[in-house]
Amino acid sequence: MFKLEFIKDKVEFFEAEKITDLERKINEQIEVNKAILLELHSVAHQMHVTEEGRRFYSAAVHFKAK
């Protein structure tokens, strides 16, 4: 018996040293998830500054079924 289940919710995490790189990664994944009928629901992001003054960006991206 073949059973097909659809993904209804998906959360993905991204990180980068530049905000533009983080944005590019998220946009690329939005396009990938469109193929499996998921759309962007929300984005939560943070920036951390190391002791050396380097910035580090991260994001949690929530996708939901259309």
PDB file of N, CA and C in Angstrom:
ATOM      1  N   MET A   1       0.828  -1.171   0.000  1.00  0.00           N
ATOM      2  CA  MET A   1       0.000   0.000   0.000  1.00  0.00           C
ATOM      3  C   MET A   1       0.881   1.248   0.000  1.00  0.00           C
ATOM      4  N   PHE A   2       0.554   2.188  -0.836  1.00  0.00           N
ATOM      5  CA  PHE A   2       1.301   3.439  -0.945  1.00  0.00           C
ATOM      6  C   PHE A   2       0.553   4.543  -0.219  1.00  0.00           C
ATOM      7  N   LYS A   3       1.215   5.176   0.723  1.00  0.00           N
ATOM      8  CA  LYS A   3       0.573   6.240   1.491  1.00  0.00           C
ATOM      9  C   LYS A   3       1.389   7.527   1.323  1.00  0.00           C
ATOM     10  N   LEU A   4       0.726   8.583   0.917  1.00  0.00           N
ATOM     11  CA  LEU A   4       1.372   9.863   0.693  1.00  0.00           C
ATOM     12  C   LEU A   4       0.972  10.835   1.793  1.00  0.00           C
ATOM     13  N   GLU A   5       1.959  11.386   2.479  1.00  0.00           N
ATOM     14  CA  GLU A   5       1.689  12.360   3.531  1.00  0.00           C
ATOM     15  C   GLU A   5       2.311  13.691   3.133  1.00  0.00           C
ATOM     16  N   PHE A   6       1.606  14.767   3.431  1.00  0.00           N
ATOM     17  CA  PHE A   6       2.082  16.089   3.095  1.00  0.00           C
ATOM     18  C   PHE A   6       2.679  16.771   4.321  1.00  0.00           C
ATOM     19  N   ILE A   7       3.691  17.560   4.088  1.00  0.00           N
ATOM     20  CA  ILE A   7       4.282  18.366   5.151  1.00  0.00           C
ATOM     21  C   ILE A   7       3.385  19.574   5.360  1.00  0.00           C
ATOM     22  N   LYS A   8       2.969  19.812   6.589  1.00  0.00           N
ATOM     23  CA  LYS A   8       2.079  20.937   6.882  1.00  0.00           C
ATOM     24  C   LYS A   8       2.835  22.110   7.491  1.00  0.00           C
ATOM     25  N   ASP A   9       3.838  21.815   8.287  1.00  0.00           N
ATOM     26  CA  ASP A   9       4.668  22.840   8.921  1.00  0.00           C
ATOM     27  C   ASP A   9       6.128  22.419   8.828  1.00  0.00           C
ATOM     28  N   LYS A  10       6.983  23.420   8.664  1.00  0.00           N
ATOM     29  CA  LYS A  10       8.417  23.141   8.577  1.00  0.00           C
ATOM     30  C   LYS A  10       9.156  24.362   9.112  1.00  0.00           C
ATOM     31  N   VAL A  11      10.114  24.144   9.999  1.00  0.00           N
ATOM     32  CA  VAL A  11      10.943  25.222  10.516  1.00  0.00           C
ATOM     33  C   VAL A  11      12.385  24.926  10.118  1.00  0.00           C
ATOM     34  N   GLU A  12      13.033  25.939   9.538  1.00  0.00           N
ATOM     35  CA  GLU A  12      14.422  25.790   9.115  1.00  0.00           C
ATOM     36  C   GLU A  12      15.251  26.894   9.754  1.00  0.00           C
ATOM     37  N   PHE A  13      16.524  26.595   9.982  1.00  0.00           N
ATOM     38  CA  PHE A  13      17.428  27.537  10.626  1.00  0.00           C
ATOM     39  C   PHE A  13      18.569  27.874   9.679  1.00  0.00           C
ATOM     40  N   PHE A  14      18.948  29.148   9.673  1.00  0.00           N
ATOM     41  CA  PHE A  14      19.991  29.633   8.792  1.00  0.00           C
ATOM     42  C   PHE A  14      20.964  30.483   9.587  1.00  0.00           C
ATOM     43  N   GLU A  15      22.218  30.552   9.112  1.00  0.00           N
ATOM     44  CA  GLU A  15      23.209  31.403   9.742  1.00  0.00           C
ATOM     45  C   GLU A  15      24.180  31.921   8.695  1.00  0.00           C
ATOM     46  N   ALA A  16      24.724  33.105   8.955  1.00  0.00           N
ATOM     47  CA  ALA A  16      25.678  33.712   8.028  1.00  0.00           C
ATOM     48  C   ALA A  16      26.435  34.821   8.745  1.00  0.00           C
ATOM     49  N   GLU A  17      27.569  35.198   8.171  1.00  0.00           N
ATOM     50  CA  GLU A  17      28.352  36.291   8.736  1.00  0.00           C
ATOM     51  C   GLU A  17      27.930  37.643   8.181  1.00  0.00           C
ATOM     52  N   LYS A  18      27.187  37.643   7.078  1.00  0.00           N
ATOM     53  CA  LYS A  18      26.682  38.883   6.488  1.00  0.00           C
ATOM     54  C   LYS A  18      25.169  38.791   6.367  1.00  0.00           C
ATOM     55  N   ILE A  19      24.482  39.893   6.635  1.00  0.00           N
ATOM     56  CA  ILE A  19      23.024  39.902   6.556  1.00  0.00           C
ATOM     57  C   ILE A  19      22.559  39.622   5.127  1.00  0.00           C
ATOM     58  N   THR A  20      23.310  40.089   4.143  1.00  0.00           N
ATOM     59  CA  THR A  20      22.928  39.840   2.741  1.00  0.00           C
ATOM     60  C   THR A  20      23.009  38.356   2.409  1.00  0.00           C
ATOM     61  N   ASP A  21      23.993  37.657   2.970  1.00  0.00           N
ATOM     62  CA  ASP A  21      24.106  36.213   2.748  1.00  0.00           C
ATOM     63  C   ASP A  21      22.957  35.470   3.417  1.00  0.00           C
ATOM     64  N   LEU A  22      22.575  35.912   4.604  1.00  0.00           N
ATOM     65  CA  LEU A  22      21.444  35.303   5.301  1.00  0.00           C
ATOM     66  C   LEU A  22      20.167  35.481   4.488  1.00  0.00           C
ATOM     67  N   GLU A  23      19.951  36.673   3.986  1.00  0.00           N
ATOM     68  CA  GLU A  23      18.767  36.957   3.178  1.00  0.00           C
ATOM     69  C   GLU A  23      18.749  36.100   1.911  1.00  0.00           C
ATOM     70  N   ARG A  24      19.899  35.950   1.265  1.00  0.00           N
ATOM     71  CA  ARG A  24      19.988  35.131   0.050  1.00  0.00           C
ATOM     72  C   ARG A  24      19.639  33.673   0.354  1.00  0.00           C
ATOM     73  N   LYS A  25      20.176  33.137   1.443  1.00  0.00           N
ATOM     74  CA  LYS A  25      19.893  31.746   1.821  1.00  0.00           C
ATOM     75  C   LYS A  25      18.400  31.532   2.063  1.00  0.00           C
ATOM     76  N   ILE A  26      17.783  32.476   2.765  1.00  0.00           N
ATOM     77  CA  ILE A  26      16.349  32.360   3.054  1.00  0.00           C
ATOM     78  C   ILE A  26      15.535  32.435   1.770  1.00  0.00           C
ATOM     79  N   ASN A  27      15.869  33.381   0.896  1.00  0.00           N
ATOM     80  CA  ASN A  27      15.137  33.518  -0.374  1.00  0.00           C
ATOM     81  C   ASN A  27      15.269  32.280  -1.248  1.00  0.00           C
ATOM     82  N   GLU A  28      16.448  31.681  -1.270  1.00  0.00           N
ATOM     83  CA  GLU A  28      16.638  30.453  -2.040  1.00  0.00           C
ATOM     84  C   GLU A  28      15.758  29.333  -1.497  1.00  0.00           C
ATOM     85  N   GLN A  29      15.664  29.228  -0.173  1.00  0.00           N
ATOM     86  CA  GLN A  29      14.865  28.158   0.429  1.00  0.00           C
ATOM     87  C   GLN A  29      13.375  28.408   0.253  1.00  0.00           C
ATOM     88  N   ILE A  30      12.960  29.664   0.203  1.00  0.00           N
ATOM     89  CA  ILE A  30      11.556  29.979  -0.081  1.00  0.00           C
ATOM     90  C   ILE A  30      11.175  29.394  -1.430  1.00  0.00           C
ATOM     91  N   GLU A  31      12.036  29.555  -2.424  1.00  0.00           N
ATOM     92  CA  GLU A  31      11.761  29.021  -3.764  1.00  0.00           C
ATOM     93  C   GLU A  31      11.715  27.496  -3.752  1.00  0.00           C
ATOM     94  N   VAL A  32      12.624  26.867  -3.019  1.00  0.00           N
ATOM     95  CA  VAL A  32      12.644  25.402  -2.924  1.00  0.00           C
ATOM     96  C   VAL A  32      11.353  24.895  -2.290  1.00  0.00           C
ATOM     97  N   ASN A  33      10.910  25.551  -1.220  1.00  0.00           N
ATOM     98  CA  ASN A  33       9.719  25.099  -0.502  1.00  0.00           C
ATOM     99  C   ASN A  33       8.429  25.357  -1.265  1.00  0.00           C
ATOM    100  N   LYS A  34       8.453  26.302  -2.186  1.00  0.00           N
ATOM    101  CA  LYS A  34       7.275  26.514  -3.043  1.00  0.00           C
ATOM    102  C   LYS A  34       6.967  25.254  -3.844  1.00  0.00           C
ATOM    103  N   ALA A  35       8.000  24.516  -4.221  1.00  0.00           N
ATOM    104  CA  ALA A  35       7.828  23.299  -5.001  1.00  0.00           C
ATOM    105  C   ALA A  35       7.090  22.212  -4.224  1.00  0.00           C
ATOM    106  N   ILE A  36       7.169  22.255  -2.905  1.00  0.00           N
ATOM    107  CA  ILE A  36       6.440  21.272  -2.090  1.00  0.00           C
ATOM    108  C   ILE A  36       5.235  21.927  -1.405  1.00  0.00           C
ATOM    109  N   LEU A  37       4.769  23.022  -2.002  1.00  0.00           N
ATOM    110  CA  LEU A  37       3.539  23.710  -1.606  1.00  0.00           C
ATOM    111  C   LEU A  37       3.584  24.284  -0.192  1.00  0.00           C
ATOM    112  N   LEU A  38       4.744  24.767   0.199  1.00  0.00           N
ATOM    113  CA  LEU A  38       4.873  25.464   1.480  1.00  0.00           C
ATOM    114  C   LEU A  38       5.140  26.937   1.205  1.00  0.00           C
ATOM    115  N   GLU A  39       4.527  27.793   2.007  1.00  0.00           N
ATOM    116  CA  GLU A  39       4.778  29.217   1.854  1.00  0.00           C
ATOM    117  C   GLU A  39       5.333  29.782   3.157  1.00  0.00           C
ATOM    118  N   LEU A  40       5.992  30.908   3.050  1.00  0.00           N
ATOM    119  CA  LEU A  40       6.590  31.547   4.205  1.00  0.00           C
ATOM    120  C   LEU A  40       5.509  31.997   5.174  1.00  0.00           C
ATOM    121  N   HIS A  41       5.683  31.641   6.438  1.00  0.00           N
ATOM    122  CA  HIS A  41       4.740  32.054   7.483  1.00  0.00           C
ATOM    123  C   HIS A  41       5.350  33.145   8.367  1.00  0.00           C
ATOM    124  N   SER A  42       6.599  32.917   8.827  1.00  0.00           N
ATOM    125  CA  SER A  42       7.243  33.922   9.668  1.00  0.00           C
ATOM    126  C   SER A  42       8.761  33.737   9.672  1.00  0.00           C
ATOM    127  N   VAL A  43       9.445  34.824  10.030  1.00  0.00           N
ATOM    128  CA  VAL A  43      10.904  34.813  10.151  1.00  0.00           C
ATOM    129  C   VAL A  43      11.265  35.488  11.468  1.00  0.00           C
ATOM    130  N   ALA A  44      12.093  34.825  12.262  1.00  0.00           N
ATOM    131  CA  ALA A  44      12.632  35.411  13.480  1.00  0.00           C
ATOM    132  C   ALA A  44      14.148  35.430  13.331  1.00  0.00           C
ATOM    133  N   HIS A  45      14.764  36.583  13.532  1.00  0.00           N
ATOM    134  CA  HIS A  45      16.208  36.666  13.317  1.00  0.00           C
ATOM    135  C   HIS A  45      16.902  37.354  14.477  1.00  0.00           C
ATOM    136  N   GLN A  46      18.194  37.084  14.577  1.00  0.00           N
ATOM    137  CA  GLN A  46      19.015  37.666  15.636  1.00  0.00           C
ATOM    138  C   GLN A  46      20.381  38.019  15.086  1.00  0.00           C
ATOM    139  N   MET A  47      21.032  38.954  15.761  1.00  0.00           N
ATOM    140  CA  MET A  47      22.415  39.284  15.442  1.00  0.00           C
ATOM    141  C   MET A  47      23.224  39.175  16.724  1.00  0.00           C
ATOM    142  N   HIS A  48      24.389  38.589  16.619  1.00  0.00           N
ATOM    143  CA  HIS A  48      25.285  38.452  17.766  1.00  0.00           C
ATOM    144  C   HIS A  48      26.618  39.095  17.389  1.00  0.00           C
ATOM    145  N   VAL A  49      27.191  39.842  18.305  1.00  0.00           N
ATOM    146  CA  VAL A  49      28.512  40.433  18.094  1.00  0.00           C
ATOM    147  C   VAL A  49      29.496  39.714  19.009  1.00  0.00           C
ATOM    148  N   THR A  50      30.550  39.167  18.408  1.00  0.00           N
ATOM    149  CA  THR A  50      31.553  38.449  19.189  1.00  0.00           C
ATOM    150  C   THR A  50      32.437  39.432  19.955  1.00  0.00           C
ATOM    151  N   GLU A  51      33.263  38.918  20.830  1.00  0.00           N
ATOM    152  CA  GLU A  51      34.196  39.754  21.590  1.00  0.00           C
ATOM    153  C   GLU A  51      35.168  40.482  20.675  1.00  0.00           C
ATOM    154  N   GLU A  52      35.424  39.904  19.501  1.00  0.00           N
ATOM    155  CA  GLU A  52      36.329  40.515  18.531  1.00  0.00           C
ATOM    156  C   GLU A  52      35.617  41.565  17.676  1.00  0.00           C
ATOM    157  N   GLY A  53      34.314  41.721  17.886  1.00  0.00           N
ATOM    158  CA  GLY A  53      33.556  42.706  17.128  1.00  0.00           C
ATOM    159  C   GLY A  53      32.953  42.193  15.832  1.00  0.00           C
ATOM    160  N   ARG A  54      33.079  40.901  15.559  1.00  0.00           N
ATOM    161  CA  ARG A  54      32.494  40.311  14.347  1.00  0.00           C
ATOM    162  C   ARG A  54      31.013  40.068  14.564  1.00  0.00           C
ATOM    163  N   ARG A  55      30.239  40.333  13.530  1.00  0.00           N
ATOM    164  CA  ARG A  55      28.793  40.113  13.599  1.00  0.00           C
ATOM    165  C   ARG A  55      28.450  38.733  13.062  1.00  0.00           C
ATOM    166  N   PHE A  56      27.429  38.145  13.658  1.00  0.00           N
ATOM    167  CA  PHE A  56      26.960  36.821  13.260  1.00  0.00           C
ATOM    168  C   PHE A  56      25.431  36.863  13.240  1.00  0.00           C
ATOM    169  N   TYR A  57      24.839  36.501  12.120  1.00  0.00           N
ATOM    170  CA  TYR A  57      23.390  36.579  11.946  1.00  0.00           C
ATOM    171  C   TYR A  57      22.793  35.172  11.888  1.00  0.00           C
ATOM    172  N   SER A  58      21.618  35.014  12.488  1.00  0.00           N
ATOM    173  CA  SER A  58      20.907  33.738  12.411  1.00  0.00           C
ATOM    174  C   SER A  58      19.416  34.005  12.278  1.00  0.00           C
ATOM    175  N   ALA A  59      18.718  33.007  11.742  1.00  0.00           N
ATOM    176  CA  ALA A  59      17.261  33.148  11.555  1.00  0.00           C
ATOM    177  C   ALA A  59      16.586  31.798  11.664  1.00  0.00           C
ATOM    178  N   ALA A  60      15.383  31.819  12.233  1.00  0.00           N
ATOM    179  CA  ALA A  60      14.494  30.663  12.232  1.00  0.00           C
ATOM    180  C   ALA A  60      13.333  31.033  11.307  1.00  0.00           C
ATOM    181  N   VAL A  61      13.114  30.198  10.298  1.00  0.00           N
ATOM    182  CA  VAL A  61      12.114  30.497   9.278  1.00  0.00           C
ATOM    183  C   VAL A  61      11.030  29.424   9.320  1.00  0.00           C
ATOM    184  N   HIS A  62       9.783  29.853   9.476  1.00  0.00           N
ATOM    185  CA  HIS A  62       8.655  28.936   9.589  1.00  0.00           C
ATOM    186  C   HIS A  62       7.876  28.940   8.271  1.00  0.00           C
ATOM    187  N   PHE A  63       7.714  27.756   7.711  1.00  0.00           N
ATOM    188  CA  PHE A  63       6.932  27.574   6.485  1.00  0.00           C
ATOM    189  C   PHE A  63       5.674  26.794   6.830  1.00  0.00           C
ATOM    190  N   LYS A  64       4.569  27.098   6.156  1.00  0.00           N
ATOM    191  CA  LYS A  64       3.299  26.392   6.356  1.00  0.00           C
ATOM    192  C   LYS A  64       2.708  26.014   5.009  1.00  0.00           C
ATOM    193  N   ALA A  65       1.879  24.975   5.033  1.00  0.00           N
ATOM    194  CA  ALA A  65       1.199  24.540   3.815  1.00  0.00           C
ATOM    195  C   ALA A  65       0.237  25.631   3.339  1.00  0.00           C
ATOM    196  N   LYS A  66       0.104  25.727   2.035  1.00  0.00           N
ATOM    197  CA  LYS A  66      -0.807  26.729   1.449  1.00  0.00           C
ATOM    198  C   LYS A  66      -2.238  26.392   1.738  1.00  0.00           C
TER     199      LYS A  66
END
